[in-house]
Amino acid sequence: MGKWLQEAITSMEEAHLVGGILGDVEDVSIEEICAITKTPDGTVKSRLHRARAVLRKKLSRHVEDES
């Protein structure tokens, strides 16, 4: 895993991190994440969206620096 990605992931809030890891890394469905975390689907979707947005923002800084 790249240094920037690892730093971005470790800086995320736990609630966003769990959904992001399960949803995007482990390819777990929204329904399964809801069952695992005992969280409503709207909350899981919101946290997953937020996790992606945070990663995108943090990583885009490094991409812009490289250009």
N, C-alpha and C. Protein backbone atom coordinates (compact mmCIF):
# COMPACT_ATOMS: atom_id res chain seq x y z
N MET A 1 0.85 -1.18 0.00
CA MET A 1 0.00 0.00 0.00
C MET A 1 0.90 1.23 0.00
N GLY A 2 0.55 2.21 -0.82
CA GLY A 2 1.34 3.42 -0.90
C GLY A 2 1.31 4.21 0.40
N LYS A 3 2.39 4.93 0.64
CA LYS A 3 2.52 5.72 1.86
C LYS A 3 1.38 6.72 2.00
N TRP A 4 1.05 7.43 0.92
CA TRP A 4 -0.01 8.43 0.99
C TRP A 4 -1.35 7.80 1.30
N LEU A 5 -1.62 6.68 0.67
CA LEU A 5 -2.89 5.99 0.91
C LEU A 5 -2.97 5.51 2.35
N GLN A 6 -1.90 4.95 2.84
CA GLN A 6 -1.88 4.46 4.22
C GLN A 6 -2.09 5.61 5.20
N GLU A 7 -1.44 6.74 4.97
CA GLU A 7 -1.61 7.90 5.84
C GLU A 7 -3.04 8.42 5.79
N ALA A 8 -3.62 8.46 4.60
CA ALA A 8 -4.99 8.94 4.45
C ALA A 8 -5.97 8.03 5.17
N ILE A 9 -5.78 6.73 5.06
CA ILE A 9 -6.66 5.77 5.72
C ILE A 9 -6.54 5.86 7.23
N THR A 10 -5.34 5.94 7.74
CA THR A 10 -5.17 5.96 9.20
C THR A 10 -5.65 7.26 9.81
N SER A 11 -5.81 8.32 9.02
CA SER A 11 -6.29 9.59 9.56
C SER A 11 -7.82 9.69 9.57
N MET A 12 -8.51 8.71 8.98
CA MET A 12 -9.97 8.75 8.89
C MET A 12 -10.63 8.41 10.22
N GLU A 13 -11.85 8.93 10.40
CA GLU A 13 -12.64 8.57 11.56
C GLU A 13 -12.99 7.09 11.47
N GLU A 14 -13.09 6.44 12.63
CA GLU A 14 -13.33 5.00 12.66
C GLU A 14 -14.62 4.61 11.94
N ALA A 15 -15.69 5.36 12.14
CA ALA A 15 -16.97 5.03 11.51
C ALA A 15 -16.85 5.02 9.99
N HIS A 16 -16.12 5.98 9.44
CA HIS A 16 -15.94 6.03 7.99
C HIS A 16 -14.97 4.95 7.53
N LEU A 17 -13.98 4.70 8.33
CA LEU A 17 -12.97 3.71 7.99
C LEU A 17 -13.57 2.31 7.86
N VAL A 18 -14.39 1.93 8.82
CA VAL A 18 -14.99 0.58 8.81
C VAL A 18 -15.81 0.38 7.54
N GLY A 19 -16.69 1.32 7.23
CA GLY A 19 -17.50 1.20 6.02
C GLY A 19 -16.66 1.21 4.76
N GLY A 20 -15.66 2.07 4.74
CA GLY A 20 -14.79 2.16 3.57
C GLY A 20 -13.99 0.89 3.33
N ILE A 21 -13.44 0.34 4.38
CA ILE A 21 -12.65 -0.89 4.25
C ILE A 21 -13.56 -2.05 3.86
N LEU A 22 -14.66 -2.20 4.56
CA LEU A 22 -15.56 -3.32 4.24
C LEU A 22 -16.15 -3.17 2.85
N GLY A 23 -16.59 -1.98 2.51
CA GLY A 23 -17.27 -1.77 1.23
C GLY A 23 -16.34 -1.80 0.04
N ASP A 24 -15.23 -1.09 0.12
CA ASP A 24 -14.38 -0.93 -1.05
C ASP A 24 -13.20 -1.89 -1.10
N VAL A 25 -12.66 -2.25 0.03
CA VAL A 25 -11.51 -3.14 0.03
C VAL A 25 -11.95 -4.60 0.07
N GLU A 26 -12.86 -4.90 0.96
CA GLU A 26 -13.32 -6.28 1.12
C GLU A 26 -14.52 -6.62 0.23
N ASP A 27 -15.06 -5.63 -0.47
CA ASP A 27 -16.20 -5.81 -1.38
C ASP A 27 -17.42 -6.42 -0.69
N VAL A 28 -17.70 -5.95 0.53
CA VAL A 28 -18.86 -6.40 1.29
C VAL A 28 -20.04 -5.53 0.90
N SER A 29 -21.21 -6.11 0.75
CA SER A 29 -22.40 -5.36 0.33
C SER A 29 -22.87 -4.42 1.43
N ILE A 30 -23.66 -3.43 1.04
CA ILE A 30 -24.24 -2.49 2.00
C ILE A 30 -25.04 -3.25 3.06
N GLU A 31 -25.83 -4.22 2.62
CA GLU A 31 -26.65 -5.00 3.55
C GLU A 31 -25.79 -5.74 4.57
N GLU A 32 -24.69 -6.30 4.10
CA GLU A 32 -23.79 -7.02 5.02
C GLU A 32 -23.12 -6.07 6.00
N ILE A 33 -22.73 -4.89 5.52
CA ILE A 33 -22.12 -3.89 6.42
C ILE A 33 -23.13 -3.48 7.49
N CYS A 34 -24.39 -3.30 7.08
CA CYS A 34 -25.45 -2.97 8.04
C CYS A 34 -25.55 -4.03 9.13
N ALA A 35 -25.53 -5.27 8.74
CA ALA A 35 -25.62 -6.37 9.71
C ALA A 35 -24.40 -6.43 10.61
N ILE A 36 -23.23 -6.24 10.04
CA ILE A 36 -21.99 -6.30 10.82
C ILE A 36 -21.92 -5.17 11.83
N THR A 37 -22.25 -3.96 11.39
CA THR A 37 -22.11 -2.79 12.25
C THR A 37 -23.37 -2.44 13.02
N LYS A 38 -24.47 -3.16 12.72
CA LYS A 38 -25.77 -2.88 13.34
C LYS A 38 -26.15 -1.40 13.15
N THR A 39 -26.02 -0.98 11.89
CA THR A 39 -26.26 0.41 11.51
C THR A 39 -27.25 0.44 10.35
N PRO A 40 -28.17 1.42 10.33
CA PRO A 40 -29.13 1.53 9.21
C PRO A 40 -28.42 1.76 7.88
N ASP A 41 -29.08 1.32 6.80
CA ASP A 41 -28.43 1.40 5.49
C ASP A 41 -28.13 2.83 5.05
N GLY A 42 -28.98 3.77 5.40
CA GLY A 42 -28.72 5.17 5.05
C GLY A 42 -27.44 5.68 5.70
N THR A 43 -27.22 5.28 6.93
CA THR A 43 -26.01 5.68 7.65
C THR A 43 -24.78 5.04 7.02
N VAL A 44 -24.88 3.77 6.68
CA VAL A 44 -23.76 3.08 6.05
C VAL A 44 -23.43 3.73 4.71
N LYS A 45 -24.43 4.03 3.91
CA LYS A 45 -24.20 4.67 2.61
C LYS A 45 -23.56 6.04 2.78
N SER A 46 -24.04 6.79 3.76
CA SER A 46 -23.49 8.11 4.03
C SER A 46 -22.02 8.02 4.46
N ARG A 47 -21.72 7.09 5.34
CA ARG A 47 -20.35 6.92 5.82
C ARG A 47 -19.42 6.45 4.71
N LEU A 48 -19.92 5.58 3.85
CA LEU A 48 -19.13 5.10 2.72
C LEU A 48 -18.84 6.24 1.75
N HIS A 49 -19.86 7.05 1.49
CA HIS A 49 -19.69 8.21 0.61
C HIS A 49 -18.67 9.17 1.21
N ARG A 50 -18.79 9.42 2.51
CA ARG A 50 -17.87 10.34 3.19
C ARG A 50 -16.44 9.79 3.18
N ALA A 51 -16.29 8.51 3.40
CA ALA A 51 -14.96 7.89 3.39
C ALA A 51 -14.30 8.07 2.03
N ARG A 52 -15.05 7.85 0.99
CA ARG A 52 -14.51 8.02 -0.37
C ARG A 52 -14.13 9.47 -0.64
N ALA A 53 -14.98 10.39 -0.18
CA ALA A 53 -14.71 11.82 -0.38
C ALA A 53 -13.44 12.25 0.36
N VAL A 54 -13.28 11.78 1.59
CA VAL A 54 -12.09 12.12 2.38
C VAL A 54 -10.84 11.58 1.70
N LEU A 55 -10.88 10.34 1.28
CA LEU A 55 -9.71 9.75 0.60
C LEU A 55 -9.40 10.49 -0.69
N ARG A 56 -10.44 10.79 -1.45
CA ARG A 56 -10.25 11.51 -2.71
C ARG A 56 -9.57 12.85 -2.47
N LYS A 57 -10.04 13.58 -1.46
CA LYS A 57 -9.48 14.89 -1.16
C LYS A 57 -8.02 14.78 -0.70
N LYS A 58 -7.76 13.87 0.22
CA LYS A 58 -6.40 13.72 0.74
C LYS A 58 -5.43 13.26 -0.34
N LEU A 59 -5.85 12.33 -1.16
CA LEU A 59 -4.96 11.80 -2.20
C LEU A 59 -4.80 12.76 -3.37
N SER A 60 -5.81 13.57 -3.65
CA SER A 60 -5.71 14.50 -4.78
C SER A 60 -4.64 15.55 -4.52
N ARG A 61 -4.39 15.89 -3.26
CA ARG A 61 -3.33 16.84 -2.93
C ARG A 61 -1.98 16.32 -3.43
N HIS A 62 -1.76 15.03 -3.26
CA HIS A 62 -0.48 14.44 -3.65
C HIS A 62 -0.37 14.33 -5.17
N VAL A 63 -1.47 14.07 -5.82
CA VAL A 63 -1.47 13.98 -7.28
C VAL A 63 -1.18 15.36 -7.86
N GLU A 64 -1.78 16.40 -7.29
CA GLU A 64 -1.55 17.76 -7.77
C GLU A 64 -0.10 18.15 -7.54
N ASP A 65 0.48 17.73 -6.41
CA ASP A 65 1.88 18.03 -6.10
C ASP A 65 2.83 17.38 -7.11
N GLU A 66 2.44 16.22 -7.63
CA GLU A 66 3.28 15.47 -8.57
C GLU A 66 3.24 16.08 -9.98
N SER A 67 2.18 16.83 -10.28
CA SER A 67 2.01 17.39 -11.65
C SER A 67 2.97 18.50 -11.93
